N, C-alpha and C. Protein backbone atom coordinates (compact mmCIF):
# COMPACT_ATOMS: atom_id res chain seq x y z
N UNK A 1 -69.76 -12.07 119.76
CA UNK A 1 -70.61 -11.08 120.32
C UNK A 1 -70.27 -9.64 119.92
N UNK A 2 -69.02 -9.37 119.55
CA UNK A 2 -68.87 -8.02 119.13
C UNK A 2 -69.41 -7.91 117.63
N UNK A 3 -69.42 -8.87 116.80
CA UNK A 3 -70.08 -8.83 115.36
C UNK A 3 -71.60 -8.62 115.60
N UNK A 4 -72.31 -9.10 116.64
CA UNK A 4 -73.71 -8.90 116.88
C UNK A 4 -73.91 -7.38 117.25
N UNK A 5 -73.01 -6.89 118.22
CA UNK A 5 -73.11 -5.52 118.64
C UNK A 5 -72.92 -4.64 117.70
N UNK A 6 -71.89 -4.88 116.66
CA UNK A 6 -71.85 -3.95 115.48
C UNK A 6 -72.98 -4.01 114.54
N UNK A 7 -73.48 -5.15 114.39
CA UNK A 7 -74.79 -5.22 113.47
C UNK A 7 -75.92 -4.48 114.13
N UNK A 8 -76.14 -4.67 115.25
CA UNK A 8 -77.06 -4.14 116.10
C UNK A 8 -76.97 -2.40 116.11
N UNK A 9 -75.69 -2.09 116.11
CA UNK A 9 -75.39 -0.82 116.07
C UNK A 9 -75.84 -0.17 114.74
N UNK A 10 -75.45 -0.88 113.75
CA UNK A 10 -75.75 -0.38 112.31
C UNK A 10 -77.16 -0.43 112.08
N UNK A 11 -78.02 -1.21 112.41
CA UNK A 11 -79.46 -1.41 112.38
C UNK A 11 -80.09 -0.20 113.08
N UNK A 12 -79.53 0.02 114.26
CA UNK A 12 -79.98 1.25 114.90
C UNK A 12 -79.84 2.62 114.24
N UNK A 13 -78.53 2.76 113.71
CA UNK A 13 -78.12 3.93 112.99
C UNK A 13 -78.98 3.88 111.67
N UNK A 14 -79.22 2.78 110.97
CA UNK A 14 -80.25 2.77 109.89
C UNK A 14 -81.49 3.25 110.09
N UNK A 15 -82.09 2.68 111.26
CA UNK A 15 -83.35 3.07 111.48
C UNK A 15 -83.54 4.63 111.89
N UNK A 16 -82.44 5.24 112.52
CA UNK A 16 -82.51 6.61 112.91
C UNK A 16 -82.40 7.54 111.73
N UNK A 17 -81.49 7.12 110.62
CA UNK A 17 -81.37 7.86 109.47
C UNK A 17 -82.82 7.65 108.70
N UNK A 18 -83.41 6.69 108.72
CA UNK A 18 -84.67 6.52 108.02
C UNK A 18 -85.64 7.30 108.53
N UNK A 19 -85.69 7.30 109.85
CA UNK A 19 -86.66 8.05 110.64
C UNK A 19 -86.45 9.65 110.51
N UNK A 20 -85.25 10.03 110.34
CA UNK A 20 -84.87 11.52 109.96
C UNK A 20 -85.20 11.83 108.63
N UNK A 21 -85.16 10.92 107.75
CA UNK A 21 -85.73 11.19 106.29
C UNK A 21 -87.18 11.41 106.24
N UNK A 22 -87.94 10.45 107.04
CA UNK A 22 -89.42 10.62 107.20
C UNK A 22 -89.69 11.94 107.86
N UNK A 23 -89.13 12.40 108.81
CA UNK A 23 -89.41 13.55 109.37
C UNK A 23 -89.04 14.61 108.51
N UNK A 24 -88.13 14.60 107.61
CA UNK A 24 -87.89 15.62 106.81
C UNK A 24 -88.99 15.77 105.70
N UNK A 25 -89.49 14.50 105.25
CA UNK A 25 -90.60 14.51 104.46
C UNK A 25 -91.89 14.98 104.94
N UNK A 26 -92.19 14.79 106.10
CA UNK A 26 -93.29 15.21 106.82
C UNK A 26 -93.13 16.93 107.02
N UNK A 27 -92.12 17.46 107.25
CA UNK A 27 -91.71 18.76 107.39
C UNK A 27 -91.75 19.59 105.99
N UNK A 28 -91.36 18.93 104.97
CA UNK A 28 -91.41 19.41 103.68
C UNK A 28 -92.92 19.60 103.19
N UNK A 29 -93.67 18.54 103.51
CA UNK A 29 -95.03 18.43 103.32
C UNK A 29 -95.87 19.62 104.04
N UNK A 30 -95.61 19.82 105.24
CA UNK A 30 -96.23 20.89 106.10
C UNK A 30 -96.05 22.21 105.54
N UNK A 31 -94.68 22.35 105.12
CA UNK A 31 -94.20 23.70 104.58
C UNK A 31 -95.03 23.95 103.23
N UNK A 32 -95.10 22.80 102.40
CA UNK A 32 -95.70 23.01 101.16
C UNK A 32 -97.19 23.53 101.21
N UNK A 33 -97.76 22.73 102.29
CA UNK A 33 -99.31 23.01 102.57
C UNK A 33 -99.40 24.62 103.27
N UNK A 34 -98.45 25.06 103.82
CA UNK A 34 -98.54 26.30 104.36
C UNK A 34 -98.37 27.40 103.32
N UNK A 35 -97.41 27.10 102.39
CA UNK A 35 -97.22 27.90 101.17
C UNK A 35 -98.38 27.93 100.25
N UNK A 36 -99.13 26.90 100.18
CA UNK A 36 -100.40 26.71 99.25
C UNK A 36 -101.44 27.49 99.94
N UNK A 37 -101.54 27.58 101.12
CA UNK A 37 -102.50 28.11 101.89
C UNK A 37 -102.19 29.84 101.80
N UNK A 38 -101.14 30.07 101.93
CA UNK A 38 -100.59 31.52 101.73
C UNK A 38 -100.95 32.07 100.37
N UNK A 39 -100.50 31.25 99.36
CA UNK A 39 -100.76 31.66 97.84
C UNK A 39 -102.40 31.76 97.76
N UNK A 40 -103.01 30.88 98.35
CA UNK A 40 -104.63 30.88 98.17
C UNK A 40 -105.00 32.17 98.79
N UNK A 41 -104.66 32.44 99.77
CA UNK A 41 -105.20 33.79 100.54
C UNK A 41 -104.72 34.94 99.78
N UNK A 42 -103.57 34.91 99.25
CA UNK A 42 -102.97 36.15 98.57
C UNK A 42 -103.67 36.23 97.17
N UNK A 43 -104.21 35.16 96.50
CA UNK A 43 -104.81 35.24 95.27
C UNK A 43 -106.16 35.94 95.53
N UNK A 44 -106.91 35.42 96.42
CA UNK A 44 -108.17 36.02 96.59
C UNK A 44 -108.24 37.28 97.01
N UNK A 45 -107.17 37.81 97.87
CA UNK A 45 -107.01 39.09 98.27
C UNK A 45 -106.65 40.06 97.03
N UNK A 46 -106.04 39.60 96.13
CA UNK A 46 -105.59 40.48 94.83
C UNK A 46 -106.80 40.33 94.00
N UNK A 47 -107.64 39.42 93.95
CA UNK A 47 -108.91 39.43 93.15
C UNK A 47 -109.82 40.62 93.72
N UNK A 48 -109.94 40.50 95.15
CA UNK A 48 -110.85 41.59 95.71
C UNK A 48 -110.31 42.89 95.36
N UNK A 49 -108.92 43.15 95.45
CA UNK A 49 -108.33 44.47 95.27
C UNK A 49 -108.62 44.79 93.66
N UNK A 50 -108.58 43.94 92.67
CA UNK A 50 -108.90 44.24 91.26
C UNK A 50 -110.29 44.46 90.96
N UNK A 51 -111.18 43.80 91.68
CA UNK A 51 -112.58 44.00 91.57
C UNK A 51 -113.05 45.49 92.00
N UNK A 52 -112.23 46.13 93.13
CA UNK A 52 -112.53 47.51 93.59
C UNK A 52 -112.01 48.46 92.55
N UNK A 53 -111.03 48.10 91.61
CA UNK A 53 -110.48 49.25 90.86
C UNK A 53 -111.49 49.37 89.63
């Protein structure tokens, strides 16, 4: 019974760690998208600024 409990505890920990890694990947992807949008907007703002010069 104790062995079964330890195996179950290990499985739960493994699932939680895997879920945490997936969450980190999602957060990194969202951060990358936000950074891309920021660079996109900044690029076109600079292009407009250089056209006025």
